[in-house]
Amino acid sequence: MLRPLDALPKAHLHLHFTGSMRHSTLIELAREQGLHLPDALEDDWPPKLRATDERGWFRFQRLYDIARSVLSRPEHIYRLLRETAEDEVTDGSRWLEIQVDPSGYASRFGGLTATLELFLDAAARAAEHAGVGVAMIVAANRTRHPLDANTLARLATQYVDKGVVGFGLSNDERRGEARDFERAFRIAKRAGLLSVPHGGELLGPRSVEQCVYDLDADRVGHGVRAAESERLMERLADRQICCEVCPTSNVGLGVAESPAEVPLRRLFEAGVPIALGADDPLLFGSRLLRQYELAREVYGFRDAEIAELARQSIRSSAAPDSVRKELIESVDDWLAE
């Protein structure tokens, strides 16, 4: 008899703020405010995406920006994080690190600092409400100037031990070299924040290498293209640099043609730590639990291996040591049942 995957304690380390919204909430908030949604976000949801060319990424980003536009009042922020925390618990997640670029919301909520403080308060309330740990990663946009990233890094350092645990770099990796943002990541790392840039999704191993060597990454968002280089996989395994692998997202954006082509098993067997993630459930149609189901159904992971995936997500998180110890013991209990 197979063990229930929703009962397996996990850490969720790759989830974007707007993309965590429930589809039903998007529809409701849009109608309340009289906002028109394109068919791709309403009748044809989840949208058919393919971002391996510039036009496809533009369409993906446009849909994301439209979804962000419905979050116009503080109560929307509190609702989104409360519902996200509830969904995490349903999927068996016990620790969430959610990623956001405050710049995308700052004009509505009183500037960068006020926006981040709003998000942190909403995250703390959501965590208490749902009984799950919720921390925040401040992410810079690689399509903007590196000086903007420096500003965000300095902002993030002011909230170390106040809910911010990491500093990231997101958006189309083809439009900004990771090494251009080295100073911002140095600021963040000096203050004790994790370095968690995106890389190795739309570009190959060199993109991951820049994250590792230039940004001193503790984790790499996606990182699946590292599987194209034995040497790089050895490096990731030796330094225990985690790849946040998001199978349904990789298929949704055309990085892989099918779940079977995502090199999850190859990375795992090379000793690369893995944290399965949902990326943007709003646009890809599935949450964290589905990624673990794919591990079992598509990649042939046995329960002992699935338990190890969960342990790797917990070990790679910024959760306090006591929380990590408790969660890993709970994973062992799940496997022993």
Protein backbone atom coordinates (compact mmCIF):
# COMPACT_ATOMS: atom_id res chain seq x y z
CA MET A 1 0.00 0.00 0.00
CA LEU A 2 1.39 3.40 -0.99
CA ARG A 3 1.90 5.98 1.71
CA PRO A 4 -0.22 9.15 1.31
CA LEU A 5 1.90 11.92 -0.15
CA ASP A 6 -0.21 14.71 1.35
CA ALA A 7 0.78 13.40 4.79
CA LEU A 8 4.50 13.64 3.98
CA PRO A 9 6.03 16.71 5.71
CA LYS A 10 7.86 18.92 3.21
CA ALA A 11 9.39 22.36 2.73
CA HIS A 12 8.29 24.40 -0.26
CA LEU A 13 11.14 26.60 -1.45
CA HIS A 14 10.11 27.73 -4.93
CA LEU A 15 6.82 29.60 -5.02
CA HIS A 16 6.22 33.09 -6.42
CA PHE A 17 3.90 35.50 -4.67
CA THR A 18 1.39 36.40 -7.39
CA GLY A 19 1.65 32.93 -8.89
CA SER A 20 0.54 31.35 -5.62
CA MET A 21 -2.94 32.87 -5.94
CA ARG A 22 -5.91 30.54 -6.25
CA HIS A 23 -7.54 30.74 -9.66
CA SER A 24 -10.93 31.23 -8.02
CA THR A 25 -9.56 34.20 -6.09
CA LEU A 26 -8.19 35.77 -9.27
CA ILE A 27 -11.62 35.50 -10.91
CA GLU A 28 -13.45 36.86 -7.87
CA LEU A 29 -11.14 39.84 -7.32
CA ALA A 30 -11.19 40.74 -11.01
CA ARG A 31 -14.98 40.75 -11.11
CA GLU A 32 -15.27 42.76 -7.90
CA GLN A 33 -13.08 45.47 -9.43
CA GLY A 34 -14.54 45.34 -12.93
CA LEU A 35 -11.25 44.15 -14.43
CA HIS A 36 -11.28 42.23 -17.71
CA LEU A 37 -9.26 39.03 -17.79
CA PRO A 38 -8.07 37.45 -21.05
CA ASP A 39 -9.53 34.06 -21.97
CA ALA A 40 -6.23 32.41 -21.05
CA LEU A 41 -6.82 33.35 -17.41
CA GLU A 42 -10.51 32.59 -17.37
CA ASP A 43 -12.25 30.20 -19.76
CA ASP A 44 -9.08 28.57 -21.13
CA TRP A 45 -7.30 28.20 -17.77
CA PRO A 46 -4.63 26.99 -17.22
CA PRO A 47 -3.13 28.89 -20.15
CA LYS A 48 -1.14 27.19 -22.88
CA LEU A 49 2.34 28.60 -22.49
CA ARG A 50 5.68 28.19 -24.20
CA ALA A 51 8.38 30.63 -23.19
CA THR A 52 11.39 29.25 -25.02
CA ASP A 53 11.31 32.22 -27.36
CA GLU A 54 11.02 35.94 -26.62
CA ARG A 55 7.42 36.17 -27.75
CA GLY A 56 6.38 33.26 -25.55
CA TRP A 57 8.06 34.75 -22.49
CA PHE A 58 6.39 38.09 -23.17
CA ARG A 59 3.00 36.37 -23.18
CA PHE A 60 3.79 34.57 -19.92
CA GLN A 61 4.94 37.82 -18.30
CA ARG A 62 1.88 39.68 -19.59
CA LEU A 63 -0.48 37.14 -18.00
CA TYR A 64 1.50 37.38 -14.76
CA ASP A 65 1.27 41.18 -14.75
CA ILE A 66 -2.49 41.04 -15.39
CA ALA A 67 -2.90 38.67 -12.45
CA ARG A 68 -0.86 41.00 -10.25
CA SER A 69 -3.17 43.90 -11.11
CA VAL A 70 -6.07 42.40 -9.13
CA LEU A 71 -4.07 42.73 -5.90
CA SER A 72 -4.80 46.39 -5.34
CA ARG A 73 -5.65 46.67 -1.63
CA PRO A 74 -3.98 45.44 1.59
CA GLU A 75 -6.84 43.04 2.29
CA HIS A 76 -6.07 41.30 -1.01
CA ILE A 77 -2.52 40.65 0.20
CA TYR A 78 -3.73 39.22 3.49
CA ARG A 79 -6.20 37.01 1.66
CA LEU A 80 -3.66 35.71 -0.84
CA LEU A 81 -1.17 34.70 1.83
CA ARG A 82 -3.84 33.21 4.09
CA GLU A 83 -5.17 31.05 1.27
CA THR A 84 -1.68 30.12 0.13
CA ALA A 85 -0.78 28.98 3.64
CA GLU A 86 -3.96 26.89 3.78
CA ASP A 87 -3.09 25.27 0.45
CA GLU A 88 0.40 24.50 1.69
CA VAL A 89 -0.97 22.64 4.69
CA THR A 90 -3.34 20.66 2.44
CA ASP A 91 -0.33 19.55 0.38
CA GLY A 92 1.70 18.56 3.42
CA SER A 93 4.04 21.54 3.35
CA ARG A 94 5.16 22.60 6.80
CA TRP A 95 7.58 25.36 5.81
CA LEU A 96 7.16 27.84 2.94
CA GLU A 97 9.61 30.35 1.51
CA ILE A 98 7.63 32.57 -0.84
CA GLN A 99 9.42 34.86 -3.31
CA VAL A 100 8.40 38.42 -4.20
CA ASP A 101 9.78 41.51 -5.88
CA PRO A 102 8.28 44.39 -3.85
CA SER A 103 8.96 46.76 -6.76
CA GLY A 104 5.97 45.37 -8.62
CA TYR A 105 3.61 46.48 -5.85
CA ALA A 106 5.36 49.50 -4.35
CA SER A 107 3.36 52.15 -6.20
CA ARG A 108 0.10 50.86 -4.68
CA PHE A 109 1.23 50.28 -1.12
CA GLY A 110 3.32 53.30 -0.21
CA GLY A 111 6.79 52.45 -1.47
CA LEU A 112 9.24 49.57 -1.15
CA THR A 113 9.59 49.54 2.62
CA ALA A 114 5.87 49.85 3.35
CA THR A 115 5.13 47.14 0.78
CA LEU A 116 7.60 44.67 2.24
CA GLU A 117 6.33 45.33 5.76
CA LEU A 118 2.76 44.72 4.59
CA PHE A 119 3.78 41.41 3.04
CA LEU A 120 5.71 40.34 6.12
CA ASP A 121 2.80 41.12 8.41
CA ALA A 122 0.42 39.22 6.13
CA ALA A 123 2.85 36.27 6.05
CA ALA A 124 3.10 36.19 9.86
CA ARG A 125 -0.67 36.22 10.22
CA ALA A 126 -1.09 33.53 7.57
CA ALA A 127 1.48 31.33 9.30
CA GLU A 128 -0.33 31.62 12.61
CA HIS A 129 -3.71 31.01 10.98
CA ALA A 130 -2.69 27.86 9.09
CA GLY A 131 -0.03 26.45 11.40
CA VAL A 132 2.77 26.49 8.84
CA GLY A 133 6.08 28.34 8.78
CA VAL A 134 6.09 31.17 6.23
CA ALA A 135 9.22 33.15 5.35
CA MET A 136 9.95 35.55 2.52
CA ILE A 137 12.57 35.83 -0.20
CA VAL A 138 13.08 39.27 -1.71
CA ALA A 139 13.83 38.88 -5.41
CA ALA A 140 15.37 41.28 -7.88
CA ASN A 141 14.32 41.40 -11.53
CA ARG A 142 17.18 40.54 -13.89
CA THR A 143 15.58 42.58 -16.70
CA ARG A 144 16.10 45.76 -14.65
CA HIS A 145 19.34 47.60 -13.84
CA PRO A 146 21.66 45.97 -11.26
CA LEU A 147 21.45 49.17 -9.19
CA ASP A 148 17.78 48.36 -8.56
CA ALA A 149 18.90 44.97 -7.25
CA ASN A 150 21.37 46.67 -4.91
CA THR A 151 18.50 48.74 -3.48
CA LEU A 152 16.40 45.64 -2.92
CA ALA A 153 19.30 43.79 -1.32
CA ARG A 154 19.83 46.60 1.17
CA LEU A 155 16.10 46.62 1.91
CA ALA A 156 16.11 42.85 2.46
CA THR A 157 19.01 43.06 4.91
CA GLN A 158 16.95 45.33 7.17
CA TYR A 159 14.52 42.45 7.75
CA VAL A 160 16.91 39.64 8.58
CA ASP A 161 15.37 37.79 11.55
CA LYS A 162 12.10 39.61 10.82
CA GLY A 163 10.78 37.24 8.18
CA VAL A 164 13.15 37.70 5.22
CA VAL A 165 15.46 34.71 4.78
CA GLY A 166 16.87 35.00 1.27
CA PHE A 167 17.63 37.12 -1.77
CA GLY A 168 16.71 35.96 -5.27
CA LEU A 169 16.95 36.89 -8.93
CA SER A 170 14.09 36.07 -11.28
CA ASN A 171 12.57 36.77 -14.70
CA ASP A 172 13.95 35.85 -18.14
CA GLU A 173 17.54 34.69 -17.62
CA ARG A 174 18.29 35.38 -21.29
CA ARG A 175 18.00 39.12 -20.65
CA GLY A 176 20.47 39.60 -17.82
CA GLU A 177 23.74 37.92 -16.90
CA ALA A 178 23.73 36.65 -13.33
CA ARG A 179 27.24 38.00 -12.76
CA ASP A 180 25.95 41.55 -13.32
CA PHE A 181 24.15 41.25 -9.98
CA GLU A 182 27.14 40.08 -7.97
CA ARG A 183 27.25 43.20 -5.77
CA ALA A 184 23.60 42.85 -4.71
CA PHE A 185 24.14 39.24 -3.71
CA ARG A 186 27.31 40.14 -1.83
CA ILE A 187 25.29 42.67 0.19
CA ALA A 188 22.65 40.04 0.95
CA LYS A 189 25.07 37.24 1.83
CA ARG A 190 27.09 39.50 4.13
CA ALA A 191 23.92 40.08 6.14
CA GLY A 192 23.23 36.37 6.47
CA LEU A 193 20.59 35.92 3.76
CA LEU A 194 20.55 32.87 1.52
CA SER A 195 21.51 33.37 -2.13
CA VAL A 196 18.73 31.83 -4.23
CA PRO A 197 18.92 33.07 -7.85
CA HIS A 198 17.09 31.51 -10.79
CA GLY A 199 19.25 29.81 -13.39
CA GLY A 200 19.43 26.83 -15.72
CA GLU A 201 15.83 26.98 -16.86
CA LEU A 202 15.79 28.67 -20.27
CA LEU A 203 19.58 28.65 -20.60
CA GLY A 204 22.07 25.83 -20.13
CA PRO A 205 24.74 24.89 -17.59
CA ARG A 206 26.61 28.19 -17.93
CA SER A 207 23.63 29.99 -16.41
CA VAL A 208 23.83 27.70 -13.36
CA GLU A 209 27.61 28.16 -13.18
CA GLN A 210 27.20 31.94 -12.96
CA CYS A 211 24.77 31.50 -10.07
CA VAL A 212 27.23 29.21 -8.28
CA TYR A 213 30.52 30.99 -8.96
CA ASP A 214 29.48 34.64 -9.25
CA LEU A 215 26.51 34.80 -6.87
CA ASP A 216 27.66 32.15 -4.35
CA ALA A 217 24.29 30.43 -4.61
CA ASP A 218 23.00 28.33 -1.72
CA ARG A 219 20.17 27.13 -3.96
CA VAL A 220 19.42 27.56 -7.65
CA GLY A 221 15.88 28.22 -8.82
CA HIS A 222 15.15 25.45 -11.34
CA GLY A 223 18.73 24.47 -12.25
CA VAL A 224 17.54 21.53 -14.35
CA ARG A 225 19.93 22.32 -17.21
CA ALA A 226 22.78 21.43 -14.86
CA ALA A 227 21.99 17.84 -15.85
CA GLU A 228 23.70 18.58 -19.18
CA SER A 229 27.10 18.81 -17.42
CA GLU A 230 28.58 15.99 -15.34
CA ARG A 231 31.20 18.35 -13.94
CA LEU A 232 28.59 20.86 -12.83
CA MET A 233 26.44 18.19 -11.19
CA GLU A 234 29.51 17.01 -9.28
CA ARG A 235 30.09 20.57 -8.12
CA LEU A 236 26.50 20.98 -6.95
CA ALA A 237 26.63 17.63 -5.14
CA ASP A 238 29.99 18.35 -3.51
CA ARG A 239 28.84 21.75 -2.21
CA GLN A 240 25.30 20.53 -1.53
CA ILE A 241 23.80 23.35 -3.58
CA CYS A 242 20.10 22.61 -3.94
CA CYS A 243 18.20 22.79 -7.23
CA GLU A 244 14.58 23.89 -6.84
CA VAL A 245 13.04 21.65 -9.51
CA CYS A 246 9.54 22.52 -10.74
CA PRO A 247 8.41 19.79 -13.18
CA THR A 248 4.99 21.15 -14.19
CA SER A 249 6.48 24.61 -14.68
CA ASN A 250 9.25 23.20 -16.88
CA VAL A 251 6.66 21.54 -19.10
CA GLY A 252 4.36 24.55 -19.06
CA LEU A 253 7.09 26.87 -20.30
CA GLY A 254 8.43 24.42 -22.89
CA VAL A 255 11.72 23.70 -21.11
CA ALA A 256 10.71 20.04 -21.36
CA GLU A 257 8.16 18.51 -23.72
CA SER A 258 6.72 16.25 -21.04
CA PRO A 259 7.27 15.55 -17.32
CA ALA A 260 9.32 12.48 -18.25
CA GLU A 261 11.92 14.73 -19.91
CA VAL A 262 12.59 16.79 -16.77
CA PRO A 263 15.92 15.34 -15.49
CA LEU A 264 14.79 14.90 -11.89
CA ARG A 265 16.05 11.34 -11.59
CA ARG A 266 19.41 12.22 -13.19
CA LEU A 267 20.03 15.06 -10.75
CA PHE A 268 18.93 12.98 -7.77
CA GLU A 269 21.18 10.07 -8.65
CA ALA A 270 24.11 12.47 -9.14
CA GLY A 271 23.72 13.51 -5.49
CA VAL A 272 22.39 17.02 -6.22
CA PRO A 273 20.03 18.10 -3.41
CA ILE A 274 16.53 18.77 -4.74
CA ALA A 275 13.57 20.78 -3.46
CA LEU A 276 10.46 20.20 -5.53
CA GLY A 277 8.48 23.37 -6.18
CA ALA A 278 5.27 24.52 -7.86
CA ASP A 279 6.68 27.84 -9.14
CA ASP A 280 3.41 29.54 -10.22
CA PRO A 281 0.33 27.35 -9.60
CA LEU A 282 -1.91 30.12 -10.92
CA LEU A 283 -0.38 29.77 -14.40
CA PHE A 284 0.61 26.10 -14.41
CA GLY A 285 -2.47 24.61 -12.77
CA SER A 286 -0.91 22.47 -10.03
CA ARG A 287 0.54 22.92 -6.58
CA LEU A 288 3.27 21.24 -4.56
CA LEU A 289 1.57 17.90 -3.99
CA ARG A 290 1.38 17.24 -7.73
CA GLN A 291 5.17 17.50 -8.01
CA TYR A 292 5.57 14.68 -5.48
CA GLU A 293 2.94 12.64 -7.29
CA LEU A 294 4.99 13.02 -10.47
CA ALA A 295 8.07 11.82 -8.61
CA ARG A 296 6.22 8.61 -7.87
CA GLU A 297 4.20 8.19 -11.07
CA VAL A 298 6.61 9.43 -13.76
CA TYR A 299 10.13 9.20 -12.31
CA GLY A 300 9.61 5.94 -10.43
CA PHE A 301 10.69 7.20 -7.03
CA ARG A 302 10.02 4.68 -4.27
CA ASP A 303 8.71 5.92 -0.94
CA ALA A 304 12.18 5.87 0.63
CA GLU A 305 13.43 8.11 -2.19
CA ILE A 306 10.41 10.40 -1.93
CA ALA A 307 11.11 10.73 1.78
CA GLU A 308 14.67 11.71 0.93
CA LEU A 309 13.37 14.37 -1.47
CA ALA A 310 11.34 15.80 1.40
CA ARG A 311 14.38 15.71 3.72
CA GLN A 312 16.48 17.52 1.12
CA SER A 313 13.88 20.27 0.84
CA ILE A 314 13.88 20.69 4.61
CA ARG A 315 17.68 20.65 4.93
CA SER A 316 17.99 23.24 2.13
CA SER A 317 15.50 25.61 3.76
CA ALA A 318 16.13 28.55 6.05
CA ALA A 319 13.91 27.06 8.77
CA PRO A 320 15.33 27.24 12.29
CA ASP A 321 17.37 24.20 13.31
CA SER A 322 14.70 23.07 15.78
CA VAL A 323 12.04 23.18 13.04
CA ARG A 324 14.22 21.28 10.59
CA LYS A 325 14.96 18.60 13.19
CA GLU A 326 11.28 18.18 14.02
CA LEU A 327 10.27 18.01 10.36
CA ILE A 328 12.93 15.45 9.45
CA GLU A 329 11.83 13.28 12.38
CA SER A 330 8.27 13.55 11.04
CA VAL A 331 9.47 12.42 7.60
CA ASP A 332 11.10 9.41 9.25
CA ASP A 333 7.83 8.66 11.02
CA TRP A 334 5.94 8.86 7.70
CA LEU A 335 8.35 6.35 6.17
CA ALA A 336 8.16 4.03 9.19
CA GLU A 337 4.38 3.77 9.10
